[in-house]
Amino acid sequence: VVVELEGREVACAKGRSLLDVCMDAALVVGSACGGRGICHLCRVVVDGTSVPAATTLEQRVLGNVLIAKGVRLACRIVVDAPMRVRRPTVNE
């Protein structure tokens, strides 16, 4: 699967967490909990046709407005299809 990380294409195996893909590609994404969904620092903006639905944790932490803008927790997304990812701006 090809994931575009801030304009750079990175190939990865299906089933990997987006946080792991970002870290392996040296895209700095905050994470104090090691991908367990506790710190909520790994926010990214995701664009893709097959992005999985937000988890219950993401809905609680991010809310409908941010999720509608594509903001997600990288540790909660399993990469199964191509997607574009970037770090959020201050307003996101």
Protein backbone atom coordinates (compact mmCIF):
# COMPACT_ATOMS: atom_id res chain seq x y z
CA VAL A 1 0.00 0.00 0.00
CA VAL A 2 1.29 3.48 -0.79
CA VAL A 3 0.81 6.17 1.83
CA GLU A 4 1.61 9.78 0.98
CA LEU A 5 3.17 11.42 4.01
CA GLU A 6 3.30 15.21 3.58
CA GLY A 7 3.92 14.83 -0.14
CA ARG A 8 6.35 11.89 0.06
CA GLU A 9 5.17 8.45 -1.06
CA VAL A 10 6.00 5.57 1.26
CA ALA A 11 5.26 1.91 0.60
CA CYS A 12 4.09 -0.16 3.54
CA ALA A 13 2.50 -3.50 4.25
CA LYS A 14 -1.26 -3.65 4.78
CA GLY A 15 -2.32 -3.97 8.38
CA ARG A 16 0.33 -1.68 9.91
CA SER A 17 -0.65 1.17 12.19
CA LEU A 18 -0.35 4.58 10.59
CA LEU A 19 1.72 5.74 13.56
CA ASP A 20 4.30 3.01 12.89
CA VAL A 21 4.38 3.90 9.18
CA CYS A 22 4.97 7.57 10.03
CA MET A 23 7.71 6.77 12.53
CA ASP A 24 9.47 4.39 10.12
CA ALA A 25 9.40 7.12 7.46
CA ALA A 26 10.83 9.73 9.86
CA LEU A 27 7.65 11.82 9.86
CA VAL A 28 7.63 13.28 13.35
CA VAL A 29 4.28 12.61 14.98
CA GLY A 30 3.86 13.08 18.70
CA SER A 31 3.34 10.01 20.85
CA ALA A 32 3.99 9.65 24.54
CA CYS A 33 2.14 6.35 24.99
CA GLY A 34 3.77 4.22 22.30
CA GLY A 35 0.63 3.93 20.19
CA ARG A 36 -1.79 2.76 22.87
CA GLY A 37 -4.30 5.60 22.28
CA ILE A 38 -3.80 7.13 25.70
CA CYS A 39 -1.91 10.39 25.06
CA HIS A 40 -3.88 11.64 22.03
CA LEU A 41 -0.76 13.37 20.68
CA CYS A 42 -0.53 11.50 17.37
CA ARG A 43 -3.10 13.66 15.58
CA VAL A 44 -2.82 13.68 11.82
CA VAL A 45 -5.07 14.79 8.98
CA VAL A 46 -5.97 11.90 6.69
CA ASP A 47 -7.43 12.01 3.21
CA GLY A 48 -8.32 8.86 1.36
CA THR A 49 -11.21 6.99 -0.12
CA SER A 50 -10.90 3.98 2.17
CA VAL A 51 -10.02 5.52 5.52
CA PRO A 52 -11.63 3.38 8.24
CA ALA A 53 -14.37 4.90 10.36
CA ALA A 54 -13.28 6.69 13.51
CA THR A 55 -13.02 4.49 16.58
CA THR A 56 -15.07 5.12 19.70
CA LEU A 57 -11.93 6.48 21.36
CA GLU A 58 -11.34 8.93 18.49
CA GLN A 59 -14.97 10.07 18.58
CA ARG A 60 -14.71 10.76 22.30
CA VAL A 61 -11.31 12.49 22.15
CA LEU A 62 -11.56 14.41 18.87
CA GLY A 63 -15.30 14.99 18.46
CA ASN A 64 -17.35 15.15 15.29
CA VAL A 65 -16.01 18.51 14.06
CA LEU A 66 -12.35 17.47 13.95
CA ILE A 67 -13.16 14.04 12.57
CA ALA A 68 -15.21 15.67 9.79
CA LYS A 69 -12.08 17.72 8.92
CA GLY A 70 -10.08 14.49 8.63
CA VAL A 71 -8.25 14.75 11.95
CA ARG A 72 -7.51 11.31 13.36
CA LEU A 73 -5.20 9.53 15.80
CA ALA A 74 -2.44 7.84 13.81
CA CYS A 75 -2.19 5.02 16.35
CA ARG A 76 -5.83 4.04 15.78
CA ILE A 77 -5.66 3.79 11.97
CA VAL A 78 -4.75 0.50 10.34
CA VAL A 79 -3.42 1.08 6.83
CA ASP A 80 -5.34 -1.07 4.37
CA ALA A 81 -5.61 1.28 1.40
CA PRO A 82 -3.76 4.27 -0.08
CA MET A 83 -4.16 7.54 1.80
CA ARG A 84 -2.64 10.99 2.15
CA VAL A 85 -1.46 12.11 5.57
CA ARG A 86 -0.19 15.40 6.96
CA ARG A 87 0.31 16.94 10.35
CA PRO A 88 -2.54 19.23 11.41
CA THR A 89 -2.23 23.00 11.37
CA VAL A 90 -2.72 25.08 14.50
CA ASN A 91 -6.42 25.52 13.66
CA GLU A 92 -7.09 21.79 13.30
